[in-house]
Amino acid sequence: MFKALLRVITLVSVIGAGGWAYAAELVVMDLPLHTATREQAHSAITRSGGKLISSVSDLDKYEVRDIGMPFATEMEAVYLEDQLVMLQYEFVPRGRAGEEQLRRVSGQRYGEPIERGDFRGQYIRDGKYAWTVEHSMQLVFSKAFAAREVYLTYVNLTLTKSLEARVAKAEEERLKQVSEAASSLF
């Protein structure tokens, strides 16, 4: 769980908080993401053809080859107190044409990310392209250098702030325990 939560925080930290195109509300599989609960997300994903692979604490992983999205292979959902914080698709497009198709569909639906003018180019650099949307949500299209996988991630920025505070508090408590244990040795 902690690894998944750190990934959400890292993703949002790298992207930042502003300067991107503004798009409409994020709805996936008829599910408004900004209010989705774990039960609602699970129901929507399985109803659309997704199959639960694993569920550990606040992280669910699905196989999604049958949901009707070209090149989609897996999806991860991260929760905070039963509320959806992040939903991430993994795509494995077939060659450059498949990747271009994913970018074209994202661009048609959400517009161009303002700070990255190369989004619809023949090749994209590694990195992240983001859109800020209604209800403090963010959509992130990302691809690592020389990787085949492309990720489309939906992030609830409000819940991510709560998650960051929780992780910081847990780390502070852990350091306090380590410090107390070390002082008791002397």
Protein backbone atom coordinates (compact mmCIF):
# COMPACT_ATOMS: atom_id res chain seq x y z
CA MET A 1 0.00 0.00 0.00
CA PHE A 2 2.69 2.48 1.02
CA LYS A 3 4.49 2.00 -2.32
CA ALA A 4 1.28 2.76 -4.26
CA LEU A 5 0.58 5.84 -2.15
CA LEU A 6 4.09 7.15 -2.68
CA ARG A 7 3.65 6.65 -6.43
CA VAL A 8 0.54 8.86 -6.34
CA ILE A 9 2.36 11.54 -4.37
CA THR A 10 5.40 11.38 -6.65
CA LEU A 11 3.23 11.61 -9.75
CA VAL A 12 1.46 14.72 -8.49
CA SER A 13 4.67 16.29 -7.16
CA VAL A 14 6.39 15.91 -10.52
CA ILE A 15 3.43 17.39 -12.38
CA GLY A 16 2.84 20.33 -10.08
CA ALA A 17 -0.39 22.20 -9.55
CA GLY A 18 -1.11 24.42 -12.50
CA GLY A 19 -0.48 25.68 -16.00
CA TRP A 20 -2.22 22.98 -17.99
CA ALA A 21 -5.24 22.90 -20.21
CA TYR A 22 -8.61 22.78 -18.52
CA ALA A 23 -11.01 20.01 -19.46
CA ALA A 24 -14.44 18.82 -18.35
CA GLU A 25 -15.25 16.46 -15.52
CA LEU A 26 -13.46 13.11 -15.60
CA VAL A 27 -15.87 10.23 -16.06
CA VAL A 28 -14.58 6.73 -16.78
CA MET A 29 -16.92 3.78 -17.41
CA ASP A 30 -19.88 6.03 -16.47
CA LEU A 31 -18.22 6.71 -13.09
CA PRO A 32 -17.57 10.32 -11.99
CA LEU A 33 -14.07 9.88 -10.57
CA HIS A 34 -14.05 12.78 -8.09
CA THR A 35 -16.73 11.13 -5.91
CA ALA A 36 -16.06 7.44 -6.62
CA THR A 37 -15.84 4.97 -3.76
CA ARG A 38 -13.97 1.69 -3.87
CA GLU A 39 -17.19 -0.29 -4.29
CA GLN A 40 -18.41 1.97 -7.12
CA ALA A 41 -15.04 1.79 -8.91
CA HIS A 42 -14.86 -1.98 -8.58
CA SER A 43 -18.41 -2.37 -9.86
CA ALA A 44 -17.79 -0.08 -12.86
CA ILE A 45 -14.51 -1.77 -13.78
CA THR A 46 -15.83 -5.34 -13.54
CA ARG A 47 -19.09 -4.41 -15.31
CA SER A 48 -16.96 -3.06 -18.19
CA GLY A 49 -15.00 -6.31 -18.47
CA GLY A 50 -12.12 -5.79 -16.03
CA LYS A 51 -10.97 -8.70 -13.87
CA LEU A 52 -9.57 -8.18 -10.38
CA ILE A 53 -6.01 -9.57 -10.22
CA SER A 54 -5.11 -8.51 -6.69
CA SER A 55 -6.38 -6.41 -3.83
CA VAL A 56 -3.97 -5.35 -1.11
CA SER A 57 -4.97 -2.80 1.51
CA ASP A 58 -5.74 0.39 -0.46
CA LEU A 59 -4.66 -0.86 -3.90
CA ASP A 60 -6.67 -2.89 -6.42
CA LYS A 61 -5.12 -4.19 -9.63
CA TYR A 62 -7.21 -5.28 -12.63
CA GLU A 63 -6.60 -6.99 -15.96
CA VAL A 64 -8.51 -4.81 -18.47
CA ARG A 65 -7.87 -6.26 -21.93
CA ASP A 66 -11.62 -6.83 -22.40
CA ILE A 67 -12.95 -3.37 -21.49
CA GLY A 68 -13.00 -2.10 -25.05
CA MET A 69 -10.07 0.35 -24.86
CA PRO A 70 -7.43 -0.33 -27.52
CA PHE A 71 -4.07 -1.42 -26.08
CA ALA A 72 -5.26 -1.34 -22.43
CA THR A 73 -3.67 -4.15 -20.40
CA GLU A 74 -3.86 -3.32 -16.69
CA MET A 75 -5.43 -0.81 -14.35
CA GLU A 76 -4.57 0.12 -10.78
CA ALA A 77 -6.86 1.92 -8.36
CA VAL A 78 -5.57 3.54 -5.17
CA TYR A 79 -7.91 4.52 -2.34
CA LEU A 80 -7.82 6.63 0.80
CA GLU A 81 -10.48 5.67 3.34
CA ASP A 82 -12.60 4.03 0.61
CA GLN A 83 -12.42 7.08 -1.72
CA LEU A 84 -10.70 6.78 -5.10
CA VAL A 85 -7.44 8.76 -5.18
CA MET A 86 -5.93 7.47 -8.40
CA LEU A 87 -6.95 5.32 -11.34
CA GLN A 88 -4.15 4.37 -13.73
CA TYR A 89 -4.43 2.57 -17.06
CA GLU A 90 -1.42 0.80 -18.52
CA PHE A 91 -1.40 0.62 -22.31
CA VAL A 92 0.98 -1.35 -24.49
CA PRO A 93 0.44 0.13 -27.96
CA ARG A 94 1.63 -1.72 -31.02
CA GLY A 95 4.32 0.49 -32.44
CA ARG A 96 4.36 4.20 -33.10
CA ALA A 97 0.94 4.15 -34.81
CA GLY A 98 -0.71 2.74 -31.68
CA GLU A 99 0.93 5.33 -29.47
CA GLU A 100 -0.14 8.10 -31.85
CA GLN A 101 -3.71 6.76 -31.72
CA LEU A 102 -3.70 7.01 -27.89
CA ARG A 103 -2.39 10.58 -28.03
CA ARG A 104 -4.91 11.54 -30.72
CA VAL A 105 -7.85 10.20 -28.69
CA SER A 106 -6.61 11.97 -25.52
CA GLY A 107 -6.09 15.22 -27.42
CA GLN A 108 -9.55 15.07 -29.00
CA ARG A 109 -11.23 14.49 -25.68
CA TYR A 110 -9.23 16.85 -23.43
CA GLY A 111 -7.47 19.27 -25.78
CA GLU A 112 -3.77 20.01 -25.82
CA PRO A 113 -1.70 20.13 -22.64
CA ILE A 114 -0.50 23.74 -22.66
CA GLU A 115 3.10 23.32 -21.55
CA ARG A 116 3.98 20.47 -23.90
CA GLY A 117 3.55 21.47 -27.52
CA ASP A 118 4.95 18.18 -28.87
CA PHE A 119 2.03 16.05 -27.62
CA ARG A 120 0.58 15.32 -31.07
CA GLY A 121 3.92 15.06 -32.82
CA GLN A 122 5.16 11.92 -34.53
CA TYR A 123 7.42 11.17 -31.55
CA ILE A 124 7.00 12.39 -27.99
CA ARG A 125 9.74 12.89 -25.48
CA ASP A 126 9.65 10.90 -22.31
CA GLY A 127 7.80 12.71 -19.63
CA LYS A 128 4.35 13.68 -18.53
CA TYR A 129 1.57 15.63 -20.18
CA ALA A 130 -1.19 16.86 -17.89
CA TRP A 131 -4.64 18.40 -17.94
CA THR A 132 -6.32 20.00 -14.93
CA VAL A 133 -10.03 19.27 -14.85
CA GLU A 134 -13.10 20.07 -12.76
CA HIS A 135 -13.36 19.03 -9.10
CA SER A 136 -9.59 19.23 -8.42
CA MET A 137 -8.86 16.33 -10.72
CA GLN A 138 -5.90 15.89 -13.01
CA LEU A 139 -5.34 13.63 -16.01
CA VAL A 140 -1.74 12.64 -16.75
CA PHE A 141 -0.47 10.95 -19.94
CA SER A 142 3.02 9.57 -19.30
CA LYS A 143 5.67 7.52 -21.03
CA ALA A 144 9.18 6.70 -19.89
CA PHE A 145 12.10 7.03 -22.28
CA ALA A 146 12.39 4.04 -24.64
CA ALA A 147 9.52 2.22 -22.90
CA ARG A 148 6.65 0.52 -24.69
CA GLU A 149 4.14 1.17 -21.91
CA VAL A 150 2.07 4.33 -21.81
CA TYR A 151 0.11 5.34 -18.72
CA LEU A 152 -3.07 7.36 -18.45
CA THR A 153 -3.62 8.37 -14.83
CA TYR A 154 -6.56 10.10 -13.20
CA VAL A 155 -5.63 11.79 -9.91
CA ASN A 156 -7.85 13.40 -7.26
CA LEU A 157 -5.64 16.31 -6.15
CA THR A 158 -7.69 17.07 -3.02
CA LEU A 159 -7.40 13.53 -1.70
CA THR A 160 -3.74 13.44 -2.67
CA LYS A 161 -3.08 16.37 -0.29
CA SER A 162 -4.73 14.37 2.50
CA LEU A 163 -2.64 11.38 1.53
CA GLU A 164 0.57 13.44 1.58
CA ALA A 165 -0.29 14.67 5.10
CA ARG A 166 -0.95 11.11 6.26
CA VAL A 167 2.32 9.83 4.80
CA ALA A 168 4.25 12.74 6.36
CA LYS A 169 2.67 12.05 9.77
CA ALA A 170 3.48 8.33 9.52
CA GLU A 171 7.08 9.13 8.59
CA GLU A 172 7.35 11.59 11.49
CA GLU A 173 6.04 8.91 13.88
CA ARG A 174 8.46 6.34 12.47
CA LEU A 175 11.44 8.72 12.94
CA LYS A 176 10.31 9.45 16.51
CA GLN A 177 10.24 5.73 17.30
CA VAL A 178 13.68 5.22 15.77
CA SER A 179 15.04 8.17 17.77
CA GLU A 180 13.53 6.84 21.02
CA ALA A 181 14.92 3.37 20.35
CA ALA A 182 18.38 4.80 19.65
CA SER A 183 18.38 6.93 22.83
CA SER A 184 17.39 3.96 24.96
CA LEU A 185 20.55 2.19 23.79
CA PHE A 186 22.77 4.80 25.42
